[in-house]
Amino acid sequence: MKILFSNLWEIFFPKCQAVTVTFTNPLATQDFRAFIDNILNIIFTVGLPLSVVMMLIGGILIVSAGGDQSQIEKGKKILFYTLVGLTLLFMARGLVELMDYLIR
């Protein structure tokens, strides 16, 4: 069976040669704690500036509503959910620190 497969391979792919492939660790870390820290750092790097932008958008919607209640409510919702997201962001960091403290 191996000879048959080898011959079929040579028939269909005559110029293909074997290549050695090596993989490097893209995480640049060997322990789970450092891996979680790297992920949280990425989330913080994206989440904090995004929350500032969303707060500005919510504030601009409220200020520029001109008495339109739907725009005011939309701005309030944006501000509320941005604060909820920031709270979850900080709680995630605290939860990881708490788990690390309890495990060690």
N, C-alpha and C. Protein backbone atom coordinates (compact mmCIF):
# COMPACT_ATOMS: atom_id res chain seq x y z
N MET A 1 0.83 -1.20 0.00
CA MET A 1 0.00 0.00 0.00
C MET A 1 0.87 1.25 0.00
N LYS A 2 1.97 1.20 0.75
CA LYS A 2 2.86 2.34 0.83
C LYS A 2 3.52 2.59 -0.52
N ILE A 3 3.88 1.53 -1.22
CA ILE A 3 4.50 1.66 -2.54
C ILE A 3 3.50 2.25 -3.52
N LEU A 4 2.27 1.82 -3.46
CA LEU A 4 1.23 2.34 -4.35
C LEU A 4 1.02 3.82 -4.10
N PHE A 5 0.93 4.23 -2.84
CA PHE A 5 0.75 5.65 -2.53
C PHE A 5 1.95 6.46 -2.99
N SER A 6 3.14 5.95 -2.76
CA SER A 6 4.35 6.64 -3.17
C SER A 6 4.37 6.83 -4.68
N ASN A 7 4.01 5.79 -5.42
CA ASN A 7 3.99 5.89 -6.87
C ASN A 7 2.91 6.87 -7.34
N LEU A 8 1.76 6.87 -6.71
CA LEU A 8 0.71 7.82 -7.08
C LEU A 8 1.16 9.25 -6.79
N TRP A 9 1.86 9.42 -5.68
CA TRP A 9 2.35 10.75 -5.34
C TRP A 9 3.32 11.25 -6.42
N GLU A 10 4.21 10.40 -6.85
CA GLU A 10 5.17 10.78 -7.89
C GLU A 10 4.49 11.03 -9.22
N ILE A 11 3.41 10.36 -9.47
CA ILE A 11 2.69 10.57 -10.73
C ILE A 11 1.99 11.92 -10.73
N PHE A 12 1.30 12.24 -9.65
CA PHE A 12 0.52 13.47 -9.60
C PHE A 12 1.35 14.70 -9.23
N PHE A 13 2.40 14.51 -8.46
CA PHE A 13 3.24 15.62 -8.02
C PHE A 13 4.72 15.29 -8.29
N PRO A 14 5.13 15.31 -9.55
CA PRO A 14 6.48 14.85 -9.88
C PRO A 14 7.60 15.76 -9.37
N LYS A 15 7.35 17.05 -9.19
CA LYS A 15 8.43 17.96 -8.82
C LYS A 15 8.41 18.34 -7.34
N CYS A 16 7.54 17.73 -6.57
CA CYS A 16 7.46 18.04 -5.14
C CYS A 16 8.58 17.34 -4.40
N GLN A 17 9.17 18.06 -3.47
CA GLN A 17 10.21 17.49 -2.64
C GLN A 17 9.83 17.66 -1.18
N ALA A 18 10.43 16.84 -0.36
CA ALA A 18 10.16 16.93 1.08
C ALA A 18 10.82 18.18 1.64
N VAL A 19 10.12 18.84 2.53
CA VAL A 19 10.60 20.06 3.16
C VAL A 19 10.47 19.90 4.66
N THR A 20 11.49 20.31 5.38
CA THR A 20 11.43 20.27 6.83
C THR A 20 10.79 21.56 7.34
N VAL A 21 9.78 21.40 8.15
CA VAL A 21 9.06 22.56 8.69
C VAL A 21 9.28 22.60 10.20
N THR A 22 9.66 23.76 10.70
CA THR A 22 9.81 23.92 12.14
C THR A 22 8.88 25.04 12.60
N PHE A 23 8.33 24.87 13.77
CA PHE A 23 7.42 25.85 14.33
C PHE A 23 8.07 26.48 15.55
N THR A 24 7.95 27.79 15.64
CA THR A 24 8.41 28.47 16.84
C THR A 24 7.20 28.85 17.69
N ASN A 25 7.42 29.01 18.95
CA ASN A 25 6.34 29.35 19.87
C ASN A 25 5.96 30.82 19.66
N PRO A 26 4.77 31.10 19.12
CA PRO A 26 4.39 32.49 18.87
C PRO A 26 4.00 33.25 20.14
N LEU A 27 3.81 32.55 21.23
CA LEU A 27 3.36 33.19 22.46
C LEU A 27 4.50 33.81 23.24
N ALA A 28 5.71 33.41 22.97
CA ALA A 28 6.91 33.91 23.64
C ALA A 28 6.84 33.72 25.15
N THR A 29 6.20 32.68 25.58
CA THR A 29 6.10 32.37 27.01
C THR A 29 5.97 30.86 27.19
N GLN A 30 6.39 30.40 28.34
CA GLN A 30 6.33 28.96 28.59
C GLN A 30 5.37 28.58 29.72
N ASP A 31 4.89 29.56 30.51
CA ASP A 31 3.96 29.20 31.57
C ASP A 31 2.61 29.89 31.34
N PHE A 32 1.60 29.32 31.97
CA PHE A 32 0.23 29.76 31.74
C PHE A 32 -0.03 31.15 32.29
N ARG A 33 0.59 31.48 33.41
CA ARG A 33 0.39 32.80 34.03
C ARG A 33 0.86 33.92 33.11
N ALA A 34 2.03 33.75 32.50
CA ALA A 34 2.55 34.76 31.57
C ALA A 34 1.67 34.84 30.33
N PHE A 35 1.14 33.71 29.89
CA PHE A 35 0.23 33.69 28.74
C PHE A 35 -1.02 34.51 29.03
N ILE A 36 -1.63 34.32 30.20
CA ILE A 36 -2.81 35.08 30.58
C ILE A 36 -2.48 36.56 30.71
N ASP A 37 -1.32 36.88 31.27
CA ASP A 37 -0.89 38.28 31.37
C ASP A 37 -0.76 38.92 29.99
N ASN A 38 -0.20 38.18 29.04
CA ASN A 38 -0.08 38.71 27.68
C ASN A 38 -1.44 38.99 27.06
N ILE A 39 -2.37 38.07 27.25
CA ILE A 39 -3.72 38.27 26.71
C ILE A 39 -4.38 39.48 27.36
N LEU A 40 -4.28 39.59 28.68
CA LEU A 40 -4.88 40.73 29.37
C LEU A 40 -4.24 42.05 28.96
N ASN A 41 -2.95 42.04 28.72
CA ASN A 41 -2.29 43.26 28.25
C ASN A 41 -2.81 43.69 26.88
N ILE A 42 -3.04 42.72 26.01
CA ILE A 42 -3.60 43.04 24.70
C ILE A 42 -5.01 43.59 24.85
N ILE A 43 -5.81 42.96 25.71
CA ILE A 43 -7.18 43.43 25.92
C ILE A 43 -7.18 44.83 26.51
N PHE A 44 -6.29 45.09 27.47
CA PHE A 44 -6.19 46.44 28.04
C PHE A 44 -5.74 47.45 26.99
N THR A 45 -4.79 47.07 26.17
CA THR A 45 -4.27 47.98 25.15
C THR A 45 -5.36 48.38 24.16
N VAL A 46 -6.27 47.48 23.86
CA VAL A 46 -7.36 47.78 22.94
C VAL A 46 -8.55 48.39 23.69
N GLY A 47 -8.87 47.84 24.86
CA GLY A 47 -10.08 48.22 25.58
C GLY A 47 -10.08 49.61 26.16
N LEU A 48 -8.98 50.03 26.73
CA LEU A 48 -8.96 51.35 27.36
C LEU A 48 -9.11 52.49 26.36
N PRO A 49 -8.34 52.53 25.27
CA PRO A 49 -8.58 53.61 24.30
C PRO A 49 -9.97 53.54 23.65
N LEU A 50 -10.45 52.32 23.43
CA LEU A 50 -11.78 52.17 22.85
C LEU A 50 -12.86 52.70 23.79
N SER A 51 -12.68 52.49 25.09
CA SER A 51 -13.66 53.00 26.04
C SER A 51 -13.66 54.52 26.08
N VAL A 52 -12.49 55.13 25.95
CA VAL A 52 -12.43 56.59 25.91
C VAL A 52 -13.17 57.12 24.68
N VAL A 53 -12.94 56.48 23.55
CA VAL A 53 -13.63 56.89 22.32
C VAL A 53 -15.14 56.73 22.47
N MET A 54 -15.57 55.62 23.05
CA MET A 54 -17.01 55.39 23.21
C MET A 54 -17.63 56.38 24.19
N MET A 55 -16.90 56.75 25.24
CA MET A 55 -17.41 57.78 26.15
C MET A 55 -17.56 59.12 25.43
N LEU A 56 -16.60 59.44 24.61
CA LEU A 56 -16.71 60.69 23.83
C LEU A 56 -17.90 60.65 22.89
N ILE A 57 -18.10 59.54 22.23
CA ILE A 57 -19.25 59.42 21.31
C ILE A 57 -20.56 59.55 22.08
N GLY A 58 -20.67 58.87 23.22
CA GLY A 58 -21.89 58.97 24.03
C GLY A 58 -22.13 60.39 24.51
N GLY A 59 -21.07 61.06 24.96
CA GLY A 59 -21.20 62.45 25.41
C GLY A 59 -21.59 63.38 24.28
N ILE A 60 -21.01 63.18 23.12
CA ILE A 60 -21.34 64.03 21.96
C ILE A 60 -22.79 63.81 21.55
N LEU A 61 -23.25 62.56 21.61
CA LEU A 61 -24.66 62.30 21.28
C LEU A 61 -25.60 63.01 22.26
N ILE A 62 -25.26 63.00 23.53
CA ILE A 62 -26.12 63.65 24.52
C ILE A 62 -26.11 65.16 24.33
N VAL A 63 -24.92 65.73 24.13
CA VAL A 63 -24.80 67.18 24.01
C VAL A 63 -25.45 67.69 22.72
N SER A 64 -25.29 66.93 21.64
CA SER A 64 -25.81 67.38 20.35
C SER A 64 -27.23 66.91 20.07
N ALA A 65 -27.91 66.35 21.07
CA ALA A 65 -29.26 65.81 20.85
C ALA A 65 -30.26 66.92 20.55
N GLY A 66 -30.08 68.08 21.10
CA GLY A 66 -31.00 69.19 20.84
C GLY A 66 -32.41 68.91 21.32
N GLY A 67 -32.56 68.20 22.42
CA GLY A 67 -33.88 67.91 22.96
C GLY A 67 -34.49 66.62 22.45
N ASP A 68 -33.84 65.95 21.51
CA ASP A 68 -34.36 64.68 20.97
C ASP A 68 -34.11 63.57 21.99
N GLN A 69 -35.18 63.07 22.58
CA GLN A 69 -35.06 62.07 23.65
C GLN A 69 -34.43 60.78 23.18
N SER A 70 -34.64 60.37 21.94
CA SER A 70 -34.06 59.11 21.46
C SER A 70 -32.53 59.23 21.38
N GLN A 71 -32.02 60.39 20.99
CA GLN A 71 -30.57 60.60 20.94
C GLN A 71 -29.98 60.65 22.35
N ILE A 72 -30.70 61.26 23.27
CA ILE A 72 -30.23 61.32 24.65
C ILE A 72 -30.17 59.91 25.25
N GLU A 73 -31.21 59.13 25.01
CA GLU A 73 -31.24 57.76 25.52
C GLU A 73 -30.14 56.92 24.88
N LYS A 74 -29.90 57.12 23.60
CA LYS A 74 -28.84 56.39 22.91
C LYS A 74 -27.48 56.73 23.51
N GLY A 75 -27.24 58.01 23.78
CA GLY A 75 -26.00 58.43 24.41
C GLY A 75 -25.84 57.86 25.80
N LYS A 76 -26.94 57.85 26.57
CA LYS A 76 -26.89 57.28 27.92
C LYS A 76 -26.57 55.79 27.89
N LYS A 77 -27.17 55.07 26.93
CA LYS A 77 -26.89 53.64 26.81
C LYS A 77 -25.43 53.39 26.45
N ILE A 78 -24.90 54.21 25.54
CA ILE A 78 -23.50 54.05 25.17
C ILE A 78 -22.61 54.28 26.39
N LEU A 79 -22.89 55.32 27.16
CA LEU A 79 -22.09 55.59 28.36
C LEU A 79 -22.23 54.46 29.39
N PHE A 80 -23.46 53.98 29.58
CA PHE A 80 -23.69 52.91 30.54
C PHE A 80 -22.93 51.65 30.17
N TYR A 81 -23.06 51.22 28.91
CA TYR A 81 -22.41 49.98 28.50
C TYR A 81 -20.89 50.13 28.42
N THR A 82 -20.42 51.33 28.18
CA THR A 82 -18.98 51.57 28.23
C THR A 82 -18.47 51.41 29.66
N LEU A 83 -19.20 51.94 30.62
CA LEU A 83 -18.80 51.78 32.02
C LEU A 83 -18.89 50.32 32.46
N VAL A 84 -19.90 49.59 31.99
CA VAL A 84 -20.00 48.16 32.30
C VAL A 84 -18.78 47.43 31.71
N GLY A 85 -18.41 47.76 30.49
CA GLY A 85 -17.25 47.13 29.87
C GLY A 85 -15.96 47.43 30.60
N LEU A 86 -15.80 48.69 31.04
CA LEU A 86 -14.61 49.05 31.81
C LEU A 86 -14.57 48.30 33.14
N THR A 87 -15.71 48.17 33.77
CA THR A 87 -15.78 47.43 35.04
C THR A 87 -15.37 45.98 34.83
N LEU A 88 -15.88 45.36 33.78
CA LEU A 88 -15.50 43.98 33.48
C LEU A 88 -14.02 43.86 33.15
N LEU A 89 -13.50 44.86 32.47
CA LEU A 89 -12.08 44.87 32.11
C LEU A 89 -11.21 44.88 33.36
N PHE A 90 -11.54 45.74 34.30
CA PHE A 90 -10.75 45.81 35.53
C PHE A 90 -10.99 44.60 36.43
N MET A 91 -12.22 44.08 36.42
CA MET A 91 -12.50 42.90 37.22
C MET A 91 -11.75 41.69 36.69
N ALA A 92 -11.55 41.61 35.39
CA ALA A 92 -10.81 40.48 34.82
C ALA A 92 -9.38 40.49 35.34
N ARG A 93 -8.76 41.64 35.37
CA ARG A 93 -7.39 41.74 35.88
C ARG A 93 -7.36 41.36 37.37
N GLY A 94 -8.32 41.86 38.12
CA GLY A 94 -8.38 41.54 39.55
C GLY A 94 -8.65 40.07 39.81
N LEU A 95 -9.50 39.46 38.98
CA LEU A 95 -9.81 38.05 39.14
C LEU A 95 -8.58 37.19 38.88
N VAL A 96 -7.82 37.54 37.88
CA VAL A 96 -6.60 36.80 37.60
C VAL A 96 -5.60 36.94 38.74
N GLU A 97 -5.48 38.14 39.28
CA GLU A 97 -4.58 38.35 40.42
C GLU A 97 -5.05 37.56 41.64
N LEU A 98 -6.36 37.54 41.89
CA LEU A 98 -6.90 36.78 43.01
C LEU A 98 -6.64 35.29 42.84
N MET A 99 -6.88 34.76 41.64
CA MET A 99 -6.64 33.34 41.40
C MET A 99 -5.17 33.00 41.56
N ASP A 100 -4.29 33.88 41.09
CA ASP A 100 -2.87 33.65 41.24
C ASP A 100 -2.47 33.63 42.72
N TYR A 101 -3.04 34.54 43.50
CA TYR A 101 -2.76 34.59 44.93
C TYR A 101 -3.26 33.33 45.63
N LEU A 102 -4.47 32.86 45.28
CA LEU A 102 -5.02 31.67 45.92
C LEU A 102 -4.28 30.40 45.53
N ILE A 103 -3.78 30.33 44.32
CA ILE A 103 -3.08 29.13 43.87
C ILE A 103 -1.70 29.04 44.50
N ARG A 104 -1.03 30.15 44.62
CA ARG A 104 0.33 30.13 45.19
C ARG A 104 0.25 30.11 46.65
